[in-house]
Amino acid sequence: MASRRSRTNVRISFFSFQDIITATTCILILVTMMLSTFLSGGLSAEGYVTEATKDLEAQMKTQLEKLSKLSSENEESARRLATLPPGGIEALKREVEKLREELRKQLTDLGTAAEEDTRSNQEQAARDASHGIAATAKEVEAMRKTVGDLAEKADTLQRTAAELDKKVRAADARLLTALSARSSIWLVPDTSTTTKEPLLIVVTGDGLTLERFNKPASRAEIRSKSEGQILTEFRMHLDRMDRLNDYIVFYIKPSGVALFDSLQEVARTARFEIGYDALEENKTIIFSPPPDQTQETP
């Protein structure tokens, strides 16, 4: 009977290689997360990076480069494993053991770097707390808010003050108008008995003031140290008038009584119709229609 030759199948396990790849990937993810945490929180409250943090960053970058190199070697090993002959199993075991040793070393270095990073962050937080940076930042924010509120109140008060100033000015204007009206006399001629136009002459101790009714632009003054010069200028003014269409109204203040006698004689000589009345020394005549008293002064 023919003997059946028994064959033994040699099976190769890739479990150790998968462990290495998985562990390397986890390490890369961990390093990435630590670098992200470092970059987002590595700056202190004062905006600077300590020397210890810079050294730690350099160490972690070096470890990352080593891990990247190890990953490349693992990929190369995977490609070699696909074409590995049956006699190369022992060499593969030795290479796997070498990779495991390198991985343990990298894990140890990475743990040391993580501990140094944690300790550095704790020391920086302690320094910030001792310097009162966090409390100072809160106080500064509170002060900024207070300044903003005060600026808003100042703007409101400024607008209120402007409105009050406007009202005060209007009140002052009304007061001055009232005081002026108290010391003034509104004189309106009676046109029911004559068609002639009046010429108002206010006589004082130092001269005359001449004015047509409701014609402020026609106001004229005759002032001189000499009574003779005043009378001369008055005659010249009468020569420009028409006695058929004009008549004269004298208002005499106490200081101008002596001058009025001479003025009256000159006017009568020129054959003008005249009228006269007394006026207190501190009074002023407004020779125009009075304003509407019911209308509020702006």
Protein backbone atom coordinates (compact mmCIF):
# COMPACT_ATOMS: atom_id res chain seq x y z
CA MET A 1 0.00 0.00 0.00
CA ALA A 2 1.34 3.29 -0.94
CA SER A 3 2.37 5.35 1.97
CA ARG A 4 0.82 8.83 2.18
CA ARG A 5 3.37 11.49 2.80
CA SER A 6 2.24 13.81 5.53
CA ARG A 7 2.71 17.56 4.96
CA THR A 8 2.96 20.14 7.66
CA ASN A 9 1.61 23.62 6.83
CA VAL A 10 3.71 26.45 8.24
CA ARG A 11 1.45 29.41 9.17
CA ILE A 12 2.84 32.91 9.55
CA SER A 13 1.11 35.20 12.06
CA PHE A 14 0.97 38.93 11.38
CA PHE A 15 -0.48 39.70 14.80
CA SER A 16 2.74 41.27 16.15
CA PHE A 17 3.15 43.46 13.07
CA GLN A 18 -0.45 44.70 13.38
CA ASP A 19 0.21 45.54 17.03
CA ILE A 20 3.16 47.70 16.01
CA ILE A 21 1.22 49.54 13.31
CA THR A 22 -1.74 50.17 15.64
CA ALA A 23 0.48 51.37 18.48
CA THR A 24 2.39 53.68 16.13
CA THR A 25 -0.84 55.21 14.82
CA CYS A 26 -2.10 55.77 18.38
CA ILE A 27 1.18 57.43 19.29
CA LEU A 28 0.93 59.77 16.28
CA ILE A 29 -2.65 60.70 17.27
CA LEU A 30 -1.56 61.31 20.87
CA VAL A 31 1.35 63.49 19.74
CA THR A 32 -0.96 65.48 17.46
CA MET A 33 -3.43 66.08 20.30
CA MET A 34 -0.64 67.16 22.67
CA LEU A 35 0.77 69.54 20.08
CA SER A 36 -2.71 71.02 19.51
CA THR A 37 -3.18 71.48 23.25
CA PHE A 38 0.26 72.99 23.52
CA LEU A 39 -0.29 75.44 20.66
CA SER A 40 -3.72 76.54 21.95
CA GLY A 41 -2.76 76.88 25.63
CA GLY A 42 0.99 77.30 25.53
CA LEU A 43 0.85 81.10 25.60
CA SER A 44 0.66 82.58 29.06
CA ALA A 45 -1.75 85.31 30.06
CA GLU A 46 0.96 87.83 29.35
CA GLY A 47 1.48 86.58 25.75
CA TYR A 48 4.91 84.95 26.00
CA VAL A 49 6.31 81.39 25.81
CA THR A 50 8.73 80.20 28.45
CA GLU A 51 12.11 78.70 27.58
CA ALA A 52 11.09 75.35 29.09
CA THR A 53 8.07 75.22 26.80
CA LYS A 54 10.25 75.94 23.76
CA ASP A 55 12.65 73.11 24.72
CA LEU A 56 9.72 70.76 25.21
CA GLU A 57 8.33 71.67 21.80
CA ALA A 58 11.69 70.88 20.20
CA GLN A 59 11.83 67.53 21.98
CA MET A 60 8.33 66.59 20.89
CA LYS A 61 9.11 67.55 17.29
CA THR A 62 12.16 65.29 17.43
CA GLN A 63 10.04 62.43 18.77
CA LEU A 64 7.49 63.02 16.04
CA GLU A 65 10.19 62.80 13.40
CA LYS A 66 11.41 59.53 14.89
CA LEU A 67 7.90 58.13 14.93
CA SER A 68 7.40 59.17 11.32
CA LYS A 69 10.63 57.41 10.43
CA LEU A 70 9.50 54.33 12.35
CA SER A 71 6.20 54.35 10.48
CA SER A 72 8.08 54.46 7.17
CA GLU A 73 10.19 51.52 8.27
CA ASN A 74 7.02 49.63 9.22
CA GLU A 75 5.57 50.25 5.79
CA GLU A 76 8.79 49.00 4.20
CA SER A 77 8.63 45.92 6.41
CA ALA A 78 5.07 45.28 5.30
CA ARG A 79 6.17 45.38 1.67
CA ARG A 80 9.09 43.04 2.38
CA LEU A 81 6.80 40.71 4.33
CA ALA A 82 4.59 40.23 1.28
CA THR A 83 7.55 38.83 -0.67
CA LEU A 84 9.26 37.07 2.27
CA PRO A 85 10.50 33.48 1.53
CA PRO A 86 9.83 30.64 4.03
CA GLY A 87 13.38 30.79 5.37
CA GLY A 88 13.12 34.43 6.36
CA ILE A 89 10.81 33.92 9.36
CA GLU A 90 13.63 34.06 11.90
CA ALA A 91 14.94 37.27 10.41
CA LEU A 92 11.44 38.69 10.56
CA LYS A 93 11.13 37.75 14.25
CA ARG A 94 14.37 39.55 15.01
CA GLU A 95 13.21 42.63 13.13
CA VAL A 96 9.88 42.57 14.99
CA GLU A 97 11.67 42.37 18.32
CA LYS A 98 13.87 45.28 17.30
CA LEU A 99 10.80 47.32 16.39
CA ARG A 100 9.14 46.48 19.71
CA GLU A 101 12.22 47.69 21.58
CA GLU A 102 12.26 50.91 19.59
CA LEU A 103 8.54 51.36 20.26
CA ARG A 104 8.99 50.93 24.03
CA LYS A 105 11.76 53.51 23.96
CA GLN A 106 9.61 55.97 22.02
CA LEU A 107 6.71 55.45 24.42
CA THR A 108 8.99 56.10 27.37
CA ASP A 109 10.38 59.28 25.80
CA LEU A 110 6.87 60.43 24.89
CA GLY A 111 5.61 59.87 28.45
CA THR A 112 8.57 61.86 29.79
CA ALA A 113 7.82 64.70 27.38
CA ALA A 114 4.14 64.70 28.38
CA GLU A 115 5.06 64.87 32.06
CA GLU A 116 7.41 67.79 31.40
CA ASP A 117 4.71 69.59 29.43
CA THR A 118 2.16 69.10 32.23
CA ARG A 119 4.63 70.29 34.84
CA SER A 120 5.54 73.33 32.73
CA ASN A 121 1.87 74.28 32.31
CA GLN A 122 1.28 73.91 36.04
CA GLU A 123 4.30 76.07 36.86
CA GLN A 124 3.13 78.74 34.38
CA ALA A 125 -0.39 78.71 35.85
CA ALA A 126 1.09 79.08 39.34
CA ARG A 127 3.21 82.06 38.22
CA ASP A 128 0.18 83.70 36.59
CA ALA A 129 -1.86 83.20 39.75
CA SER A 130 0.93 84.60 41.94
CA HIS A 131 1.21 87.67 39.72
CA GLY A 132 -2.57 88.20 39.78
CA ILE A 133 -2.84 88.26 36.00
CA ALA A 134 -6.28 86.63 35.88
CA ALA A 135 -7.68 88.96 38.54
CA THR A 136 -6.11 91.96 36.84
CA ALA A 137 -7.68 90.99 33.52
CA LYS A 138 -11.12 90.84 35.16
CA GLU A 139 -10.57 94.25 36.77
CA VAL A 140 -9.50 95.75 33.44
CA GLU A 141 -12.61 94.37 31.75
CA ALA A 142 -14.81 95.77 34.52
CA MET A 143 -13.09 99.16 34.21
CA ARG A 144 -13.64 99.16 30.43
CA LYS A 145 -17.33 98.52 30.93
CA THR A 146 -17.51 101.29 33.54
CA VAL A 147 -15.77 103.72 31.18
CA GLY A 148 -18.21 102.84 28.43
CA ASP A 149 -21.18 103.49 30.74
CA LEU A 150 -19.69 106.81 31.86
CA ALA A 151 -19.09 107.88 28.25
CA GLU A 152 -22.72 107.12 27.39
CA LYS A 153 -23.92 109.10 30.42
CA ALA A 154 -21.60 111.98 29.47
CA ASP A 155 -23.12 112.10 25.97
CA THR A 156 -26.62 112.17 27.46
CA LEU A 157 -25.67 114.94 29.89
CA GLN A 158 -24.05 116.92 27.08
CA ARG A 159 -27.20 116.76 24.98
CA THR A 160 -29.30 117.74 28.00
CA ALA A 161 -26.96 120.65 28.75
CA ALA A 162 -27.22 121.85 25.14
CA GLU A 163 -31.02 121.79 25.32
CA LEU A 164 -30.99 123.62 28.65
CA ASP A 165 -28.58 126.23 27.26
CA LYS A 166 -30.93 126.80 24.34
CA LYS A 167 -33.87 127.27 26.71
CA VAL A 168 -31.85 129.64 28.92
CA ARG A 169 -30.89 131.75 25.92
CA ALA A 170 -34.53 131.94 24.84
CA ALA A 171 -35.56 132.92 28.37
CA ASP A 172 -32.84 135.60 28.47
CA ALA A 173 -34.09 137.00 25.17
CA ARG A 174 -37.65 137.16 26.50
CA LEU A 175 -36.40 138.81 29.70
CA LEU A 176 -34.44 141.44 27.79
CA THR A 177 -37.45 142.11 25.61
CA ALA A 178 -39.66 142.50 28.67
CA LEU A 179 -37.16 144.82 30.38
CA SER A 180 -36.77 146.84 27.22
CA ALA A 181 -40.53 147.12 26.86
CA ARG A 182 -40.80 148.29 30.47
CA SER A 183 -38.45 151.22 29.80
CA SER A 184 -39.80 151.91 26.30
CA ILE A 185 -42.86 153.68 24.90
CA TRP A 186 -44.51 152.42 21.74
CA LEU A 187 -45.66 155.49 19.86
CA VAL A 188 -48.21 155.13 17.06
CA PRO A 189 -49.48 158.29 15.34
CA ASP A 190 -53.21 158.96 14.91
CA THR A 191 -53.96 159.10 11.20
CA SER A 192 -57.71 159.66 11.59
CA THR A 193 -57.42 163.46 11.82
CA THR A 194 -54.66 164.23 9.31
CA THR A 195 -53.05 162.89 6.16
CA LYS A 196 -49.65 164.39 6.91
CA GLU A 197 -46.68 162.20 7.80
CA PRO A 198 -45.20 162.79 11.24
CA LEU A 199 -41.51 163.38 11.97
CA LEU A 200 -40.58 162.39 15.52
CA ILE A 201 -37.87 164.51 17.17
CA VAL A 202 -36.56 163.50 20.60
CA VAL A 203 -34.79 166.44 22.24
CA THR A 204 -32.02 165.85 24.81
CA GLY A 205 -29.34 168.04 26.31
CA ASP A 206 -26.74 167.10 23.67
CA GLY A 207 -28.84 167.11 20.49
CA LEU A 208 -31.69 165.62 18.49
CA THR A 209 -32.88 162.24 17.23
CA LEU A 210 -35.12 162.35 14.14
CA GLU A 211 -37.15 159.38 12.84
CA ARG A 212 -40.06 158.62 10.49
CA PHE A 213 -42.83 156.26 11.61
CA ASN A 214 -42.07 152.58 11.06
CA LYS A 215 -38.93 153.49 9.09
CA PRO A 216 -35.92 152.62 11.27
CA ALA A 217 -33.58 153.25 8.34
CA SER A 218 -34.62 156.92 8.28
CA ARG A 219 -33.30 157.47 11.84
CA ALA A 220 -30.86 160.40 12.03
CA GLU A 221 -29.08 162.26 14.82
CA ILE A 222 -27.83 165.82 15.20
CA ARG A 223 -25.14 166.04 17.89
CA SER A 224 -22.89 169.03 18.57
CA LYS A 225 -21.29 170.87 21.45
CA SER A 226 -22.74 174.13 20.19
CA GLU A 227 -26.44 174.98 20.20
CA GLY A 228 -25.91 177.19 17.17
CA GLN A 229 -24.53 174.28 15.12
CA ILE A 230 -27.47 172.12 16.15
CA LEU A 231 -29.96 174.80 15.03
CA THR A 232 -28.12 175.24 11.73
CA GLU A 233 -28.26 171.53 10.90
CA PHE A 234 -31.93 171.45 11.99
CA ARG A 235 -32.79 174.26 9.53
CA MET A 236 -31.03 172.36 6.74
CA HIS A 237 -33.09 169.26 7.58
CA LEU A 238 -36.32 171.30 7.49
CA ASP A 239 -35.40 172.64 4.05
CA ARG A 240 -35.56 169.05 2.72
CA MET A 241 -39.07 168.55 4.13
CA ASP A 242 -42.49 169.55 2.74
CA ARG A 243 -44.67 171.47 5.23
CA LEU A 244 -47.77 170.56 3.25
CA ASN A 245 -47.18 166.80 3.75
CA ASP A 246 -45.09 166.68 6.97
CA TYR A 247 -45.61 167.78 10.55
CA ILE A 248 -43.26 167.65 13.54
CA VAL A 249 -43.78 166.01 16.94
CA PHE A 250 -41.30 166.97 19.68
CA TYR A 251 -40.70 164.76 22.72
CA ILE A 252 -38.62 166.65 25.23
CA LYS A 253 -36.52 165.11 27.98
CA PRO A 254 -35.70 167.26 31.02
CA SER A 255 -32.13 167.81 29.83
CA GLY A 256 -33.37 169.22 26.48
CA VAL A 257 -35.93 171.82 27.68
CA ALA A 258 -33.66 174.82 26.95
CA LEU A 259 -32.84 173.52 23.46
CA PHE A 260 -36.51 172.85 22.71
CA ASP A 261 -37.44 176.53 22.96
CA SER A 262 -35.01 177.40 20.15
CA LEU A 263 -36.06 174.41 18.03
CA GLN A 264 -39.74 175.29 18.36
CA GLU A 265 -39.06 178.84 17.21
CA VAL A 266 -37.14 177.60 14.13
CA ALA A 267 -39.94 175.16 13.20
CA ARG A 268 -42.65 177.78 13.56
CA THR A 269 -40.62 180.24 11.50
CA ALA A 270 -40.48 177.58 8.73
CA ARG A 271 -44.31 177.37 9.10
CA PHE A 272 -44.44 173.65 10.07
CA GLU A 273 -47.28 172.25 12.09
CA ILE A 274 -45.84 171.03 15.41
CA GLY A 275 -46.85 169.10 18.47
CA TYR A 276 -44.90 168.26 21.63
CA ASP A 277 -44.95 166.31 24.84
CA ALA A 278 -42.64 165.54 27.79
CA LEU A 279 -40.56 162.37 28.08
CA GLU A 280 -38.77 160.92 31.10
CA GLU A 281 -34.98 160.94 30.90
CA ASN A 282 -34.67 157.14 31.16
CA LYS A 283 -37.45 156.38 28.68
CA THR A 284 -37.03 155.36 25.05
CA ILE A 285 -39.57 155.85 22.26
CA ILE A 286 -40.09 153.06 19.74
CA PHE A 287 -41.66 154.73 16.72
CA SER A 288 -43.28 151.66 15.13
CA PRO A 289 -46.29 149.38 15.67
CA PRO A 290 -45.96 147.21 18.81
CA PRO A 291 -45.51 143.45 18.34
CA ASP A 292 -48.34 140.99 18.93
CA GLN A 293 -48.27 140.48 22.71
CA THR A 294 -50.03 137.10 22.40
CA GLN A 295 -47.25 135.72 20.22
CA GLU A 296 -44.44 134.01 22.11
CA THR A 297 -41.00 135.44 21.53
CA PRO A 298 -38.74 132.78 20.01
